[in-house]
């Protein structure tokens, strides 16, 4: 059983890259990742299912779109906005990094999490290149 700072933890780690060139409608379309690494069945490439209550979830990644524009990236829980103002990107680039940390009091086992372009920004079409990737780490303290 792994330890972090001497404390036993259970970790679920999933990752993905690439996409289907999906057109993203603001606040509606979940961002997809087609090359999925997931040994637990927690993630289908668009939606991550929380495995345990009392977990901390870190989501780190980068999206690549076919056009340059200022955009917000949001994290959605069960189809509703959890946060949509974390990552605002300048209009001079089409590749945008994102990093979310979700606290235990924000989620419960079975909740679904997804990434979307958030309200207040323009939609776009995903660019299927290696710069489009995600890693999700769920850590439960035992």
N, C-alpha and C. Protein backbone atom coordinates (compact mmCIF):
# COMPACT_ATOMS: atom_id res chain seq x y z
N UNK A 1 0.85 -1.18 0.00
CA UNK A 1 0.00 0.00 0.00
C UNK A 1 0.90 1.24 0.00
N UNK A 2 0.69 2.15 -0.94
CA UNK A 2 1.56 3.34 -1.02
C UNK A 2 1.35 4.29 0.16
N UNK A 3 2.41 5.08 0.42
CA UNK A 3 2.35 6.10 1.46
C UNK A 3 2.76 7.45 0.88
N UNK A 4 2.14 8.50 1.39
CA UNK A 4 2.56 9.87 1.09
C UNK A 4 2.79 10.53 2.45
N UNK A 5 4.00 11.02 2.66
CA UNK A 5 4.37 11.62 3.95
C UNK A 5 4.05 10.70 5.12
N UNK A 6 4.29 9.40 4.93
CA UNK A 6 4.09 8.43 5.99
C UNK A 6 2.65 8.00 6.21
N UNK A 7 1.73 8.49 5.39
CA UNK A 7 0.31 8.16 5.54
C UNK A 7 -0.10 7.21 4.41
N UNK A 8 -0.81 6.14 4.75
CA UNK A 8 -1.29 5.21 3.74
C UNK A 8 -2.37 5.87 2.89
N UNK A 9 -2.25 5.68 1.58
CA UNK A 9 -3.21 6.25 0.64
C UNK A 9 -3.58 5.22 -0.41
N UNK A 10 -4.71 5.44 -1.02
CA UNK A 10 -5.13 4.67 -2.18
C UNK A 10 -5.21 5.64 -3.33
N UNK A 11 -4.52 5.33 -4.43
CA UNK A 11 -4.52 6.25 -5.57
C UNK A 11 -5.11 5.59 -6.81
N UNK A 12 -5.89 6.36 -7.54
CA UNK A 12 -6.38 5.99 -8.85
C UNK A 12 -5.77 7.00 -9.82
N UNK A 13 -5.07 6.50 -10.84
CA UNK A 13 -4.42 7.38 -11.81
C UNK A 13 -4.90 6.99 -13.21
N UNK A 14 -5.41 7.96 -13.94
CA UNK A 14 -5.82 7.75 -15.33
C UNK A 14 -5.18 8.84 -16.18
N UNK A 15 -5.02 8.56 -17.45
CA UNK A 15 -4.46 9.58 -18.35
C UNK A 15 -5.02 9.38 -19.75
N UNK A 16 -4.83 10.41 -20.55
CA UNK A 16 -5.29 10.34 -21.92
C UNK A 16 -4.62 11.38 -22.78
N UNK A 17 -4.70 11.16 -24.08
CA UNK A 17 -4.17 12.12 -25.05
C UNK A 17 -4.95 11.97 -26.34
N UNK A 18 -4.74 12.92 -27.23
CA UNK A 18 -5.45 12.89 -28.51
C UNK A 18 -6.92 13.17 -28.33
N UNK A 19 -7.61 13.32 -29.44
CA UNK A 19 -9.05 13.58 -29.42
C UNK A 19 -9.61 13.32 -30.80
N UNK A 20 -10.90 13.43 -30.93
CA UNK A 20 -11.56 13.16 -32.19
C UNK A 20 -11.79 14.38 -33.05
N UNK A 21 -11.09 15.50 -32.77
CA UNK A 21 -11.33 16.73 -33.51
C UNK A 21 -12.72 17.28 -33.22
N UNK A 22 -13.15 17.08 -32.00
CA UNK A 22 -14.50 17.43 -31.58
C UNK A 22 -14.74 18.93 -31.56
N UNK A 23 -15.89 19.36 -32.08
CA UNK A 23 -16.33 20.75 -31.95
C UNK A 23 -16.93 20.91 -30.56
N UNK A 24 -16.42 21.87 -29.79
CA UNK A 24 -16.86 22.08 -28.41
C UNK A 24 -17.83 23.25 -28.33
N UNK A 25 -19.02 22.98 -27.85
CA UNK A 25 -19.99 24.03 -27.57
C UNK A 25 -19.77 24.48 -26.13
N UNK A 26 -19.68 25.80 -25.94
CA UNK A 26 -19.39 26.36 -24.61
C UNK A 26 -20.37 25.82 -23.58
N UNK A 27 -19.81 25.32 -22.46
CA UNK A 27 -20.56 24.85 -21.29
C UNK A 27 -21.46 23.64 -21.57
N UNK A 28 -21.30 23.01 -22.74
CA UNK A 28 -22.16 21.87 -23.09
C UNK A 28 -21.34 20.60 -23.39
N UNK A 29 -20.35 20.74 -24.27
CA UNK A 29 -19.62 19.56 -24.76
C UNK A 29 -18.43 19.23 -23.87
N UNK A 30 -18.39 17.99 -23.36
CA UNK A 30 -17.24 17.53 -22.59
C UNK A 30 -16.05 17.34 -23.51
N UNK A 31 -14.87 17.77 -23.05
CA UNK A 31 -13.64 17.60 -23.80
C UNK A 31 -13.27 16.12 -23.82
N UNK A 32 -12.91 15.60 -25.00
CA UNK A 32 -12.58 14.18 -25.10
C UNK A 32 -11.08 13.95 -25.28
N UNK A 33 -10.68 12.79 -24.80
CA UNK A 33 -9.30 12.30 -24.94
C UNK A 33 -9.41 10.85 -25.41
N UNK A 34 -8.86 10.52 -26.57
CA UNK A 34 -9.12 9.22 -27.18
C UNK A 34 -8.13 8.13 -26.79
N UNK A 35 -6.92 8.47 -26.48
CA UNK A 35 -5.92 7.48 -26.07
C UNK A 35 -5.95 7.39 -24.56
N UNK A 36 -6.68 6.43 -24.02
CA UNK A 36 -6.95 6.37 -22.59
C UNK A 36 -6.12 5.28 -21.92
N UNK A 37 -5.54 5.65 -20.77
CA UNK A 37 -4.87 4.69 -19.90
C UNK A 37 -5.61 4.67 -18.58
N UNK A 38 -6.29 3.55 -18.29
CA UNK A 38 -7.11 3.46 -17.09
C UNK A 38 -7.32 1.99 -16.76
N UNK A 39 -6.69 1.52 -15.71
CA UNK A 39 -6.82 0.11 -15.32
C UNK A 39 -7.99 -0.11 -14.36
N UNK A 40 -8.72 0.95 -14.00
CA UNK A 40 -9.78 0.82 -13.00
C UNK A 40 -11.19 0.95 -13.57
N UNK A 41 -11.32 1.43 -14.79
CA UNK A 41 -12.64 1.67 -15.37
C UNK A 41 -13.29 2.93 -14.85
N UNK A 42 -12.48 3.84 -14.28
CA UNK A 42 -13.01 5.07 -13.70
C UNK A 42 -13.23 6.16 -14.74
N UNK A 43 -12.61 6.02 -15.92
CA UNK A 43 -12.62 7.10 -16.90
C UNK A 43 -12.88 6.57 -18.30
N UNK A 44 -13.76 7.22 -19.04
CA UNK A 44 -14.08 6.77 -20.39
C UNK A 44 -13.50 7.67 -21.48
N UNK A 45 -12.65 8.61 -21.10
CA UNK A 45 -12.07 9.52 -22.07
C UNK A 45 -12.72 10.90 -22.07
N UNK A 46 -13.93 10.99 -21.51
CA UNK A 46 -14.59 12.30 -21.36
C UNK A 46 -15.05 12.53 -19.93
N UNK A 47 -15.43 11.47 -19.23
CA UNK A 47 -16.00 11.60 -17.89
C UNK A 47 -15.24 10.72 -16.91
N UNK A 48 -14.83 11.31 -15.78
CA UNK A 48 -14.18 10.56 -14.71
C UNK A 48 -15.20 10.34 -13.60
N UNK A 49 -15.30 9.10 -13.11
CA UNK A 49 -16.21 8.78 -12.01
C UNK A 49 -15.40 8.70 -10.71
N UNK A 50 -15.77 9.52 -9.74
CA UNK A 50 -15.08 9.55 -8.45
C UNK A 50 -15.20 8.17 -7.80
N UNK A 51 -14.05 7.62 -7.38
CA UNK A 51 -14.00 6.26 -6.85
C UNK A 51 -14.27 6.18 -5.35
N UNK A 52 -13.92 7.23 -4.61
CA UNK A 52 -14.05 7.20 -3.16
C UNK A 52 -14.42 8.57 -2.61
N UNK A 53 -15.29 8.58 -1.61
CA UNK A 53 -15.53 9.83 -0.89
C UNK A 53 -14.27 10.14 -0.09
N UNK A 54 -14.13 11.35 0.38
CA UNK A 54 -12.96 11.79 1.14
C UNK A 54 -11.66 11.69 0.34
N UNK A 55 -11.75 11.97 -0.95
CA UNK A 55 -10.57 11.97 -1.81
C UNK A 55 -10.22 13.39 -2.23
N UNK A 56 -8.96 13.56 -2.59
CA UNK A 56 -8.49 14.78 -3.25
C UNK A 56 -8.23 14.39 -4.69
N UNK A 57 -8.71 15.20 -5.63
CA UNK A 57 -8.50 14.89 -7.04
C UNK A 57 -7.70 16.02 -7.68
N UNK A 58 -6.62 15.64 -8.35
CA UNK A 58 -5.81 16.58 -9.12
C UNK A 58 -6.00 16.26 -10.60
N UNK A 59 -6.33 17.29 -11.37
CA UNK A 59 -6.50 17.15 -12.81
C UNK A 59 -5.55 18.14 -13.47
N UNK A 60 -4.62 17.60 -14.25
CA UNK A 60 -3.62 18.42 -14.93
C UNK A 60 -3.64 18.05 -16.40
N UNK A 61 -3.62 19.05 -17.26
CA UNK A 61 -3.62 18.73 -18.67
C UNK A 61 -3.44 19.94 -19.55
N UNK A 62 -3.67 19.70 -20.82
CA UNK A 62 -3.54 20.76 -21.81
C UNK A 62 -4.52 20.46 -22.93
N UNK A 63 -5.21 21.49 -23.40
CA UNK A 63 -6.08 21.31 -24.55
C UNK A 63 -5.50 22.10 -25.72
N UNK A 64 -5.70 21.56 -26.88
CA UNK A 64 -5.24 22.22 -28.09
C UNK A 64 -6.44 22.39 -29.01
N UNK A 65 -6.65 23.63 -29.45
CA UNK A 65 -7.76 23.94 -30.35
C UNK A 65 -7.21 24.43 -31.69
N UNK A 66 -8.05 24.43 -32.69
CA UNK A 66 -7.60 24.79 -34.03
C UNK A 66 -7.48 26.30 -34.25
N UNK A 67 -8.03 27.10 -33.32
CA UNK A 67 -7.97 28.56 -33.47
C UNK A 67 -7.48 29.23 -32.19
N UNK A 68 -6.88 30.39 -32.35
CA UNK A 68 -6.45 31.18 -31.20
C UNK A 68 -7.64 31.99 -30.69
N UNK A 69 -7.84 31.97 -29.38
CA UNK A 69 -8.91 32.77 -28.77
C UNK A 69 -8.75 32.73 -27.26
N UNK A 70 -9.29 33.74 -26.59
CA UNK A 70 -9.29 33.75 -25.14
C UNK A 70 -10.39 32.80 -24.66
N UNK A 71 -10.04 31.90 -23.74
CA UNK A 71 -11.01 30.90 -23.27
C UNK A 71 -10.86 30.66 -21.77
N UNK A 72 -11.96 30.25 -21.16
CA UNK A 72 -11.96 29.75 -19.79
C UNK A 72 -12.14 28.24 -19.88
N UNK A 73 -11.52 27.52 -18.97
CA UNK A 73 -11.73 26.08 -18.88
C UNK A 73 -12.43 25.81 -17.56
N UNK A 74 -13.44 24.97 -17.59
CA UNK A 74 -14.19 24.68 -16.39
C UNK A 74 -14.22 23.21 -16.05
N UNK A 75 -14.38 22.93 -14.77
CA UNK A 75 -14.58 21.56 -14.30
C UNK A 75 -16.07 21.44 -13.96
N UNK A 76 -16.68 20.38 -14.45
CA UNK A 76 -18.11 20.16 -14.25
C UNK A 76 -18.32 18.89 -13.44
N UNK A 77 -19.24 18.96 -12.48
CA UNK A 77 -19.58 17.81 -11.64
C UNK A 77 -21.02 17.44 -11.89
N UNK A 78 -21.24 16.20 -12.32
CA UNK A 78 -22.59 15.71 -12.61
C UNK A 78 -23.32 16.65 -13.59
N UNK A 79 -22.56 17.20 -14.55
CA UNK A 79 -23.13 18.05 -15.59
C UNK A 79 -23.32 19.50 -15.21
N UNK A 80 -23.01 19.87 -13.97
CA UNK A 80 -23.16 21.25 -13.51
C UNK A 80 -21.80 21.85 -13.19
N UNK A 81 -21.69 23.16 -13.32
CA UNK A 81 -20.42 23.84 -13.08
C UNK A 81 -19.96 23.63 -11.63
N UNK A 82 -18.75 23.15 -11.47
CA UNK A 82 -18.11 23.13 -10.15
C UNK A 82 -17.24 24.38 -10.03
N UNK A 83 -16.42 24.63 -11.05
CA UNK A 83 -15.61 25.85 -11.17
C UNK A 83 -15.47 26.18 -12.64
N UNK A 84 -15.64 27.44 -12.99
CA UNK A 84 -15.47 27.80 -14.40
C UNK A 84 -14.61 29.03 -14.62
N UNK A 85 -13.90 29.45 -13.59
CA UNK A 85 -13.08 30.65 -13.76
C UNK A 85 -11.63 30.42 -13.35
N UNK A 86 -11.21 29.18 -13.31
CA UNK A 86 -9.86 28.87 -12.84
C UNK A 86 -8.80 29.23 -13.87
N UNK A 87 -9.04 28.91 -15.13
CA UNK A 87 -8.01 29.06 -16.15
C UNK A 87 -8.49 29.99 -17.27
N UNK A 88 -7.98 31.19 -17.30
CA UNK A 88 -8.29 32.12 -18.39
C UNK A 88 -7.04 32.26 -19.23
N UNK A 89 -7.18 32.07 -20.53
CA UNK A 89 -6.01 32.05 -21.40
C UNK A 89 -6.06 33.19 -22.40
N UNK A 90 -4.92 33.77 -22.71
CA UNK A 90 -4.89 34.87 -23.68
C UNK A 90 -5.26 34.40 -25.08
N UNK A 91 -5.72 35.32 -25.89
CA UNK A 91 -6.14 35.00 -27.24
C UNK A 91 -5.02 34.72 -28.22
N UNK A 92 -3.79 34.79 -27.77
CA UNK A 92 -2.66 34.64 -28.69
C UNK A 92 -2.20 33.21 -28.87
N UNK A 93 -2.92 32.25 -28.29
CA UNK A 93 -2.48 30.86 -28.40
C UNK A 93 -3.68 29.94 -28.55
N UNK A 94 -3.45 28.78 -29.15
CA UNK A 94 -4.52 27.78 -29.29
C UNK A 94 -4.30 26.60 -28.34
N UNK A 95 -3.20 26.60 -27.59
CA UNK A 95 -2.91 25.53 -26.64
C UNK A 95 -2.98 26.11 -25.24
N UNK A 96 -3.81 25.51 -24.39
CA UNK A 96 -4.08 26.05 -23.07
C UNK A 96 -3.90 24.97 -22.01
N UNK A 97 -3.09 25.25 -20.99
CA UNK A 97 -2.90 24.31 -19.88
C UNK A 97 -3.96 24.55 -18.81
N UNK A 98 -4.27 23.49 -18.08
CA UNK A 98 -5.21 23.62 -16.97
C UNK A 98 -4.75 22.74 -15.81
N UNK A 99 -5.13 23.16 -14.60
CA UNK A 99 -4.74 22.45 -13.38
C UNK A 99 -5.82 22.70 -12.34
N UNK A 100 -6.50 21.65 -11.94
CA UNK A 100 -7.56 21.75 -10.94
C UNK A 100 -7.22 20.84 -9.76
N UNK A 101 -7.51 21.30 -8.55
CA UNK A 101 -7.48 20.45 -7.37
C UNK A 101 -8.86 20.51 -6.75
N UNK A 102 -9.44 19.34 -6.55
CA UNK A 102 -10.79 19.25 -6.01
C UNK A 102 -10.71 18.66 -4.62
N UNK A 103 -11.27 19.36 -3.66
CA UNK A 103 -11.19 18.98 -2.24
C UNK A 103 -12.24 17.92 -1.90
N UNK A 104 -12.00 17.16 -0.82
CA UNK A 104 -12.94 16.10 -0.42
C UNK A 104 -14.36 16.58 -0.17
N UNK A 105 -14.54 17.82 0.32
CA UNK A 105 -15.89 18.30 0.59
C UNK A 105 -16.64 18.75 -0.66
N UNK A 106 -15.99 18.68 -1.83
CA UNK A 106 -16.63 19.07 -3.09
C UNK A 106 -17.17 17.87 -3.87
N UNK A 107 -16.81 16.66 -3.48
CA UNK A 107 -17.17 15.47 -4.26
C UNK A 107 -17.59 14.32 -3.36
N UNK A 108 -18.27 13.36 -3.97
CA UNK A 108 -18.65 12.13 -3.29
C UNK A 108 -18.43 10.97 -4.26
N UNK A 109 -18.30 9.77 -3.72
CA UNK A 109 -18.16 8.59 -4.55
C UNK A 109 -19.31 8.52 -5.55
N UNK A 110 -18.97 8.25 -6.81
CA UNK A 110 -19.97 8.15 -7.87
C UNK A 110 -20.22 9.42 -8.65
N UNK A 111 -19.75 10.57 -8.15
CA UNK A 111 -19.88 11.81 -8.92
C UNK A 111 -19.12 11.68 -10.23
N UNK A 112 -19.62 12.35 -11.27
CA UNK A 112 -18.90 12.37 -12.55
C UNK A 112 -18.29 13.75 -12.76
N UNK A 113 -17.05 13.76 -13.23
CA UNK A 113 -16.31 14.99 -13.49
C UNK A 113 -15.94 15.06 -14.96
N UNK A 114 -16.03 16.26 -15.54
CA UNK A 114 -15.61 16.46 -16.93
C UNK A 114 -15.06 17.87 -17.09
N UNK A 115 -14.36 18.08 -18.19
CA UNK A 115 -13.74 19.37 -18.52
C UNK A 115 -14.49 19.94 -19.73
N UNK A 116 -14.82 21.22 -19.66
CA UNK A 116 -15.49 21.90 -20.78
C UNK A 116 -14.91 23.29 -20.94
N UNK A 117 -15.06 23.84 -22.14
CA UNK A 117 -14.82 25.26 -22.30
C UNK A 117 -15.98 25.94 -21.58
N UNK A 118 -15.66 26.91 -20.73
CA UNK A 118 -16.66 27.46 -19.82
C UNK A 118 -17.33 28.71 -20.36
N UNK A 119 -18.45 29.04 -19.75
CA UNK A 119 -19.20 30.24 -20.08
C UNK A 119 -18.29 31.46 -19.98
N UNK A 120 -18.45 32.38 -20.89
CA UNK A 120 -17.63 33.59 -20.90
C UNK A 120 -16.52 33.52 -21.93
N UNK A 121 -16.44 32.42 -22.66
CA UNK A 121 -15.42 32.29 -23.69
C UNK A 121 -16.05 31.69 -24.94
N UNK A 122 -15.30 31.69 -26.03
CA UNK A 122 -15.81 31.13 -27.27
C UNK A 122 -15.57 29.64 -27.35
N UNK A 123 -16.39 28.97 -28.12
CA UNK A 123 -16.20 27.54 -28.36
C UNK A 123 -15.00 27.32 -29.27
N UNK A 124 -14.90 26.15 -29.82
CA UNK A 124 -13.80 25.84 -30.71
C UNK A 124 -13.79 24.37 -31.07
N UNK A 125 -12.84 24.01 -31.93
CA UNK A 125 -12.68 22.63 -32.36
C UNK A 125 -11.34 22.12 -31.86
N UNK A 126 -11.36 20.95 -31.23
CA UNK A 126 -10.11 20.38 -30.72
C UNK A 126 -9.18 20.00 -31.86
N UNK A 127 -7.89 20.24 -31.63
CA UNK A 127 -6.83 19.92 -32.56
C UNK A 127 -6.17 18.63 -32.08
N UNK A 128 -6.23 17.58 -32.87
CA UNK A 128 -5.73 16.28 -32.43
C UNK A 128 -4.22 16.20 -32.62
N UNK A 129 -3.49 16.75 -31.64
CA UNK A 129 -2.03 16.70 -31.64
C UNK A 129 -1.56 16.24 -30.26
N UNK A 130 -0.28 15.97 -30.12
CA UNK A 130 0.26 15.47 -28.85
C UNK A 130 0.16 16.49 -27.72
N UNK A 131 -0.11 17.76 -28.04
CA UNK A 131 -0.24 18.80 -27.01
C UNK A 131 -1.59 18.74 -26.31
N UNK A 132 -2.45 17.79 -26.67
CA UNK A 132 -3.76 17.62 -26.04
C UNK A 132 -3.68 16.39 -25.13
N UNK A 133 -3.64 16.62 -23.81
CA UNK A 133 -3.46 15.49 -22.88
C UNK A 133 -4.04 15.81 -21.51
N UNK A 134 -4.19 14.77 -20.69
CA UNK A 134 -4.74 14.93 -19.34
C UNK A 134 -4.21 13.81 -18.44
N UNK A 135 -4.03 14.13 -17.17
CA UNK A 135 -3.77 13.14 -16.13
C UNK A 135 -4.65 13.47 -14.94
N UNK A 136 -5.34 12.45 -14.44
CA UNK A 136 -6.21 12.61 -13.28
C UNK A 136 -5.71 11.69 -12.19
N UNK A 137 -5.47 12.24 -11.00
CA UNK A 137 -5.01 11.46 -9.86
C UNK A 137 -5.99 11.68 -8.72
N UNK A 138 -6.61 10.58 -8.28
CA UNK A 138 -7.49 10.62 -7.12
C UNK A 138 -6.76 9.97 -5.95
N UNK A 139 -6.60 10.70 -4.85
CA UNK A 139 -5.88 10.21 -3.68
C UNK A 139 -6.83 10.18 -2.49
N UNK A 140 -7.00 8.98 -1.93
CA UNK A 140 -7.81 8.81 -0.73
C UNK A 140 -6.90 8.46 0.43
N UNK A 141 -7.00 9.22 1.51
CA UNK A 141 -6.22 8.92 2.72
C UNK A 141 -6.94 7.82 3.48
N UNK A 142 -6.22 6.76 3.80
CA UNK A 142 -6.82 5.60 4.48
C UNK A 142 -6.66 5.68 5.96
